[in-house]
C-alpha atoms as a PDB file:
ATOM      1  CA  MET A   1      -2.122   2.590 -22.072  1.00  0.00           C
ATOM      2  CA  GLU A   2       1.151   3.409 -21.227  1.00  0.00           C
ATOM      3  CA  TYR A   3       2.035   3.652 -17.842  1.00  0.00           C
ATOM      4  CA  ILE A   4       2.875   7.335 -17.782  1.00  0.00           C
ATOM      5  CA  ASP A   5      -0.496   8.095 -19.562  1.00  0.00           C
ATOM      6  CA  THR A   6      -2.433   6.251 -17.008  1.00  0.00           C
ATOM      7  CA  LEU A   7      -0.606   8.465 -14.264  1.00  0.00           C
ATOM      8  CA  LYS A   8      -2.711  11.013 -15.911  1.00  0.00           C
ATOM      9  CA  THR A   9      -5.284   9.620 -16.167  1.00  0.00           C
ATOM     10  CA  ILE A  10      -5.532   8.260 -12.353  1.00  0.00           C
ATOM     11  CA  ASN A  11      -8.730   9.308 -10.090  1.00  0.00           C
ATOM     12  CA  THR A  12      -6.336   9.522  -6.309  1.00  0.00           C
ATOM     13  CA  THR A  13      -9.308   9.348  -4.688  1.00  0.00           C
ATOM     14  CA  GLU A  14     -10.794   6.831  -5.958  1.00  0.00           C
ATOM     15  CA  LEU A  15      -7.715   4.913  -6.486  1.00  0.00           C
ATOM     16  CA  LYS A  16      -6.917   5.562  -2.756  1.00  0.00           C
ATOM     17  CA  THR A  17     -10.490   4.225  -1.528  1.00  0.00           C
ATOM     18  CA  GLN A  18     -10.234   0.965  -3.703  1.00  0.00           C
ATOM     19  CA  MET A  19      -6.414   0.834  -1.759  1.00  0.00           C
ATOM     20  CA  PHE A  20      -8.166   0.862   1.866  1.00  0.00           C
ATOM     21  CA  ASP A  21     -11.338  -0.964   1.119  1.00  0.00           C
ATOM     22  CA  ALA A  22      -9.373  -3.784  -0.435  1.00  0.00           C
ATOM     23  CA  ALA A  23      -6.845  -3.961   2.560  1.00  0.00           C
ATOM     24  CA  HIS A  24      -9.505  -3.580   5.585  1.00  0.00           C
ATOM     25  CA  ASP A  25     -11.167  -6.282   3.683  1.00  0.00           C
ATOM     26  CA  ALA A  26      -8.627  -8.620   3.278  1.00  0.00           C
ATOM     27  CA  THR A  27      -7.588  -7.545   7.203  1.00  0.00           C
ATOM     28  CA  GLU A  28     -10.536  -8.039   8.541  1.00  0.00           C
ATOM     29  CA  THR A  29     -11.482 -11.658   6.673  1.00  0.00           C
ATOM     30  CA  TYR A  30      -8.173 -12.458   8.610  1.00  0.00           C
ATOM     31  CA  ILE A  31      -9.467 -11.388  11.300  1.00  0.00           C
ATOM     32  CA  GLN A  32     -12.546 -13.295  11.733  1.00  0.00           C
ATOM     33  CA  ASP A  33     -11.984 -16.882   9.497  1.00  0.00           C
ATOM     34  CA  VAL A  34      -8.654 -17.134  11.197  1.00  0.00           C
ATOM     35  CA  LEU A  35      -8.130 -15.355  14.463  1.00  0.00           C
ATOM     36  CA  LYS A  36     -11.429 -16.021  15.468  1.00  0.00           C
ATOM     37  CA  GLY A  37     -11.454 -12.465  16.031  1.00  0.00           C
ATOM     38  CA  ASP A  38      -8.839 -12.438  18.982  1.00  0.00           C
ATOM     39  CA  ASP A  39      -5.778 -10.453  18.589  1.00  0.00           C
ATOM     40  CA  ALA A  40      -3.244 -13.518  19.070  1.00  0.00           C
ATOM     41  CA  PHE A  41       0.078 -14.515  17.932  1.00  0.00           C
ATOM     42  CA  SER A  42       3.284 -12.421  16.790  1.00  0.00           C
ATOM     43  CA  CYS A  43       2.806  -8.896  16.739  1.00  0.00           C
ATOM     44  CA  GLY A  44       4.366  -7.040  14.198  1.00  0.00           C
ATOM     45  CA  PHE A  45       3.972  -3.892  11.236  1.00  0.00           C
ATOM     46  CA  ALA A  46       2.987  -4.413   7.340  1.00  0.00           C
ATOM     47  CA  TRP A  47       3.309  -0.925   5.272  1.00  0.00           C
ATOM     48  CA  VAL A  48       3.408  -1.348   0.929  1.00  0.00           C
ATOM     49  CA  ASN A  49       6.538  -0.627  -1.169  1.00  0.00           C
ATOM     50  CA  ILE A  50       6.467   1.275  -4.212  1.00  0.00           C
ATOM     51  CA  ASP A  51       9.658   2.066  -6.079  1.00  0.00           C
ATOM     52  CA  PRO A  52       8.984   5.043  -8.402  1.00  0.00           C
ATOM     53  CA  LYS A  53       9.853   4.163 -12.309  1.00  0.00           C
ATOM     54  CA  PHE A  54      11.331   7.808 -13.254  1.00  0.00           C
ATOM     55  CA  LYS A  55      13.416  10.172 -11.525  1.00  0.00           C
ATOM     56  CA  GLY A  56      12.469  13.008  -9.328  1.00  0.00           C
ATOM     57  CA  ASN A  57      13.761  15.351 -11.274  1.00  0.00           C
ATOM     58  CA  THR A  58      12.339  14.848 -14.538  1.00  0.00           C
ATOM     59  CA  ARG A  59       8.530  15.816 -15.906  1.00  0.00           C
ATOM     60  CA  ASP A  60       7.823  12.546 -15.665  1.00  0.00           C
ATOM     61  CA  GLY A  61       9.067  11.375 -11.884  1.00  0.00           C
ATOM     62  CA  LYS A  62       7.402  14.873 -11.012  1.00  0.00           C
ATOM     63  CA  ALA A  63       3.752  13.246 -11.622  1.00  0.00           C
ATOM     64  CA  GLU A  64       4.480  10.306 -10.410  1.00  0.00           C
ATOM     65  CA  ARG A  65       5.380  11.477  -7.041  1.00  0.00           C
ATOM     66  CA  LYS A  66       2.050  13.657  -7.213  1.00  0.00           C
ATOM     67  CA  VAL A  67       0.362  11.084  -7.636  1.00  0.00           C
ATOM     68  CA  LEU A  68       2.054   8.596  -4.904  1.00  0.00           C
ATOM     69  CA  LYS A  69       1.923  11.222  -2.312  1.00  0.00           C
ATOM     70  CA  GLU A  70      -2.184  12.247  -2.802  1.00  0.00           C
ATOM     71  CA  ILE A  71      -2.831   8.471  -2.491  1.00  0.00           C
ATOM     72  CA  GLY A  72      -0.868   8.651   0.718  1.00  0.00           C
ATOM     73  CA  PHE A  73       2.986   7.272   0.115  1.00  0.00           C
ATOM     74  CA  GLU A  74       5.405   9.130   1.514  1.00  0.00           C
ATOM     75  CA  LEU A  75       9.367   8.967   1.188  1.00  0.00           C
ATOM     76  CA  ASP A  76      10.832   6.302   2.984  1.00  0.00           C
ATOM     77  CA  TYR A  77      14.210   6.295   5.370  1.00  0.00           C
ATOM     78  CA  THR A  78      16.218   5.460   1.845  1.00  0.00           C
ATOM     79  CA  GLY A  79      14.845   8.678   0.032  1.00  0.00           C
ATOM     80  CA  LYS A  80      14.556   6.384  -3.387  1.00  0.00           C
ATOM     81  CA  ARG A  81      11.057   4.776  -2.371  1.00  0.00           C
ATOM     82  CA  PHE A  82       7.636   5.456  -1.339  1.00  0.00           C
ATOM     83  CA  SER A  83       6.001   3.497   1.997  1.00  0.00           C
ATOM     84  CA  LEU A  84       2.358   3.786   3.668  1.00  0.00           C
ATOM     85  CA  TRP A  85       2.398   1.909   6.391  1.00  0.00           C
ATOM     86  CA  ASN A  86      -0.678  -0.302   7.678  1.00  0.00           C
ATOM     87  CA  PRO A  87      -2.821  -0.025   4.434  1.00  0.00           C
ATOM     88  CA  SER A  88      -5.637  -1.676   6.528  1.00  0.00           C
ATOM     89  CA  LYS A  89      -5.581   1.186   9.504  1.00  0.00           C
ATOM     90  CA  SER A  90      -6.271  -2.031  11.862  1.00  0.00           C
ATOM     91  CA  TYR A  91      -5.788  -1.906  15.259  1.00  0.00           C
ATOM     92  CA  PHE A  92      -4.657  -5.677  15.339  1.00  0.00           C
ATOM     93  CA  GLN A  93      -0.754  -5.741  17.145  1.00  0.00           C
ATOM     94  CA  ASN A  94      -1.011  -9.563  14.720  1.00  0.00           C
ATOM     95  CA  ILE A  95       1.214  -9.378  12.114  1.00  0.00           C
ATOM     96  CA  ASP A  96      -0.583 -11.811   9.807  1.00  0.00           C
ATOM     97  CA  CYS A  97      -3.441  -9.625   9.511  1.00  0.00           C
ATOM     98  CA  LYS A  98      -1.847  -6.703   9.014  1.00  0.00           C
ATOM     99  CA  GLU A  99      -0.410  -8.770   6.016  1.00  0.00           C
ATOM    100  CA  ALA A 100      -3.170  -9.867   4.596  1.00  0.00           C
ATOM    101  CA  GLY A 101      -4.386  -5.760   3.847  1.00  0.00           C
ATOM    102  CA  ALA A 102      -0.792  -5.133   2.718  1.00  0.00           C
ATOM    103  CA  ARG A 103      -0.770  -7.607   0.054  1.00  0.00           C
ATOM    104  CA  ALA A 104      -4.669  -6.068  -0.900  1.00  0.00           C
ATOM    105  CA  ALA A 105      -3.345  -3.098  -1.301  1.00  0.00           C
ATOM    106  CA  ALA A 106      -0.076  -3.302  -3.333  1.00  0.00           C
ATOM    107  CA  LYS A 107      -2.591  -5.728  -5.595  1.00  0.00           C
ATOM    108  CA  VAL A 108      -4.494  -2.794  -6.369  1.00  0.00           C
ATOM    109  CA  LEU A 109      -1.660  -1.080  -6.806  1.00  0.00           C
ATOM    110  CA  GLU A 110      -0.312  -3.142  -8.890  1.00  0.00           C
ATOM    111  CA  ASP A 111      -3.190  -3.692 -11.019  1.00  0.00           C
ATOM    112  CA  VAL A 112      -2.714   0.137 -11.830  1.00  0.00           C
ATOM    113  CA  GLY A 113       0.857  -0.637 -13.299  1.00  0.00           C
ATOM    114  CA  PHE A 114       3.008   1.096 -10.304  1.00  0.00           C
ATOM    115  CA  ASP A 115       6.031  -1.594  -8.650  1.00  0.00           C
ATOM    116  CA  ALA A 116       4.048  -1.759  -5.133  1.00  0.00           C
ATOM    117  CA  TYR A 117       5.267  -4.661  -3.032  1.00  0.00           C
ATOM    118  CA  PRO A 118       4.300  -5.538   0.966  1.00  0.00           C
ATOM    119  CA  ASN A 119       6.633  -5.865   3.132  1.00  0.00           C
ATOM    120  CA  SER A 120       6.419  -6.553   7.379  1.00  0.00           C
ATOM    121  CA  ARG A 121       8.539  -7.057  10.407  1.00  0.00           C
ATOM    122  CA  LEU A 122       7.928  -8.355  13.810  1.00  0.00           C
ATOM    123  CA  ASP A 123       7.956  -6.275  16.896  1.00  0.00           C
END
């Protein structure tokens, strides 16, 4: 099945749930296994970026952007890619646990066919 055909059949509610659950689980596992429940070490931010495969003014581009917005992504400052900040919704400040969540969310989206990748920066 081609990417655009997959987009048309995606259940966005289910995909959103899978993405957030994977991010939450990865973050909680990191917090418990590595940080031992303490919010310690470097603080920062993590997010997931998606580079659209189609131009926004085409039929396929509009369909792609519709799905991205339905799962919670917003156009970033470049105006070219879409971002979702802190997909794990963790209140911990530790950057490593947030990165774990962003990696897990990106993996779920990559499995569907999106060009998704995690990003982070120190605060």
